Every structure is written in C-alpha cells, then in structure tokens.
Amino acid sequence: MSAVPRLRISRPCYDKVRRCPGWAGGGTRYAKRDRCDNGSLPWEMFEKRLWKWRFNRCTTCGVFVLPYMVRWLDWRFWGWKLDDVKAWLRERAS
C-alpha cells in the first residue's frame, strides 16, 4: 500500500509575507520543524491585483499558503496588535 501524501496548509508568515511558513512559521509563530530550507512564495504573486486575497504555494517545499488577509480572523494577531497599542500608550504617557 502506498503512502498518501499529506496536504500541508498554513497561515502565511505575518512578519515577512514572502517567506515560506514551513521555514519561518505561520502567523506569529515559529516553524517547529525544519521542513523547508529558505523557501519563499513566488515573487510574481505580489505584483498581481488583490494579492493579499490569493492562495499560494511555496516554491521549495510545496506547502499550501492561505491568503494574507486571514490574519484579521486570527486571535493571536489581535493580541499582537494589542501589545503594540499598549506599548504606544505607555510611551505616549511618559
């Protein structure tokens, strides 16, 4: 019996969207395993209209990457933004 390949799906890297999430980690997290060696998403994608709404695939490891706009549905992203706002308010108060 042959092994069925698993389809790996990931959120994009929020920090540097061109990096492969298999290498840099999806969302605000780091990659737990070294599955991709310095991978990236195709540069041509970022020249298209509405690129933040498009699905993509890493050129090195083939991980399927969700659109960049999924970050607005991620509670970790909102926590990250809230930390930024708190730091800005503290800086402004001093």
Protein backbone atom coordinates (compact mmCIF):
# COMPACT_ATOMS: atom_id res chain seq x y z
CA MET A 1 0.00 0.00 0.00
CA SER A 2 1.43 3.39 -0.98
CA ALA A 3 1.54 6.30 1.41
CA VAL A 4 -0.87 9.09 0.65
CA PRO A 5 0.92 12.46 0.66
CA ARG A 6 -0.45 14.91 3.20
CA LEU A 7 -1.54 18.31 2.02
CA ARG A 8 0.11 20.79 4.32
CA ILE A 9 -1.82 24.02 4.80
CA SER A 10 -0.54 27.02 6.72
CA ARG A 11 -1.26 30.61 7.52
CA PRO A 12 1.25 33.00 5.93
CA CYS A 13 4.14 34.46 7.87
CA TYR A 14 2.72 37.75 9.21
CA ASP A 15 6.11 39.36 9.74
CA LYS A 16 7.55 38.76 6.26
CA VAL A 17 4.79 37.55 3.98
CA ARG A 18 7.17 36.37 1.22
CA ARG A 19 8.78 33.75 3.47
CA CYS A 20 7.55 30.19 3.39
CA PRO A 21 5.62 29.34 6.58
CA GLY A 22 7.31 25.93 6.55
CA TRP A 23 10.59 27.76 7.12
CA ALA A 24 9.65 30.86 9.11
CA GLY A 25 6.40 29.74 10.77
CA GLY A 26 2.80 30.58 10.04
CA GLY A 27 1.17 33.60 11.61
CA THR A 28 3.05 34.93 14.62
CA ARG A 29 4.62 31.54 15.41
CA TYR A 30 7.95 30.00 14.52
CA ALA A 31 8.38 26.83 12.47
CA LYS A 32 8.54 23.87 14.83
CA ARG A 33 10.37 21.67 12.34
CA ASP A 34 12.82 22.47 9.60
CA ARG A 35 10.64 21.37 6.70
CA CYS A 36 11.70 24.00 4.24
CA ASP A 37 15.20 25.26 3.57
CA ASN A 38 14.97 29.01 2.95
CA GLY A 39 11.74 28.77 0.94
CA SER A 40 9.67 31.64 -0.35
CA LEU A 41 6.47 32.34 -2.22
CA PRO A 42 6.67 33.29 -5.92
CA TRP A 43 7.55 36.95 -6.33
CA GLU A 44 5.16 37.32 -9.27
CA MET A 45 2.22 36.87 -6.92
CA PHE A 46 2.90 40.19 -5.20
CA GLU A 47 2.64 42.10 -8.48
CA LYS A 48 -0.93 40.95 -9.11
CA ARG A 49 -4.02 42.85 -8.05
CA LEU A 50 -5.57 41.76 -4.76
CA TRP A 51 -2.52 39.64 -3.89
CA LYS A 52 -3.50 39.69 -0.20
CA TRP A 53 -6.61 37.67 -1.05
CA ARG A 54 -4.89 34.94 -3.13
CA PHE A 55 -3.91 31.42 -2.12
CA ASN A 56 -0.34 30.42 -2.84
CA ARG A 57 2.21 27.61 -2.64
CA CYS A 58 5.87 27.59 -1.57
CA THR A 59 8.31 27.09 -4.45
CA THR A 60 10.64 24.92 -2.32
CA CYS A 61 8.52 22.60 -0.15
CA GLY A 62 5.04 22.97 -1.70
CA VAL A 63 3.18 23.99 1.48
CA PHE A 64 -0.23 25.48 0.62
CA VAL A 65 -0.46 29.04 1.99
CA LEU A 66 -3.75 30.70 2.89
CA PRO A 67 -4.39 34.30 1.79
CA TYR A 68 -2.65 37.02 3.81
CA MET A 69 -5.99 38.50 4.86
CA VAL A 70 -6.72 35.52 7.16
CA ARG A 71 -4.67 37.39 9.75
CA TRP A 72 -7.73 39.51 10.55
CA LEU A 73 -9.52 36.34 11.70
CA ASP A 74 -6.63 35.17 13.91
CA TRP A 75 -6.92 35.96 17.63
CA ARG A 76 -3.12 35.79 18.00
CA PHE A 77 -2.77 38.65 15.51
CA TRP A 78 -5.17 40.78 17.57
CA GLY A 79 -3.19 40.03 20.74
CA TRP A 80 -0.02 41.05 18.95
CA LYS A 81 -1.63 44.32 17.81
CA LEU A 82 -3.00 44.96 21.31
CA ASP A 83 0.54 44.67 22.70
CA ASP A 84 1.67 47.28 20.14
CA VAL A 85 -1.12 49.65 21.20
CA LYS A 86 -0.29 49.18 24.90
CA ALA A 87 3.38 49.97 24.24
CA TRP A 88 2.41 53.05 22.24
CA LEU A 89 0.12 54.30 25.03
CA ARG A 90 2.82 53.76 27.67
CA GLU A 91 5.35 55.63 25.56
CA ARG A 92 2.93 58.47 24.99
CA ALA A 93 2.03 58.73 28.69
CA SER A 94 5.64 59.16 29.76
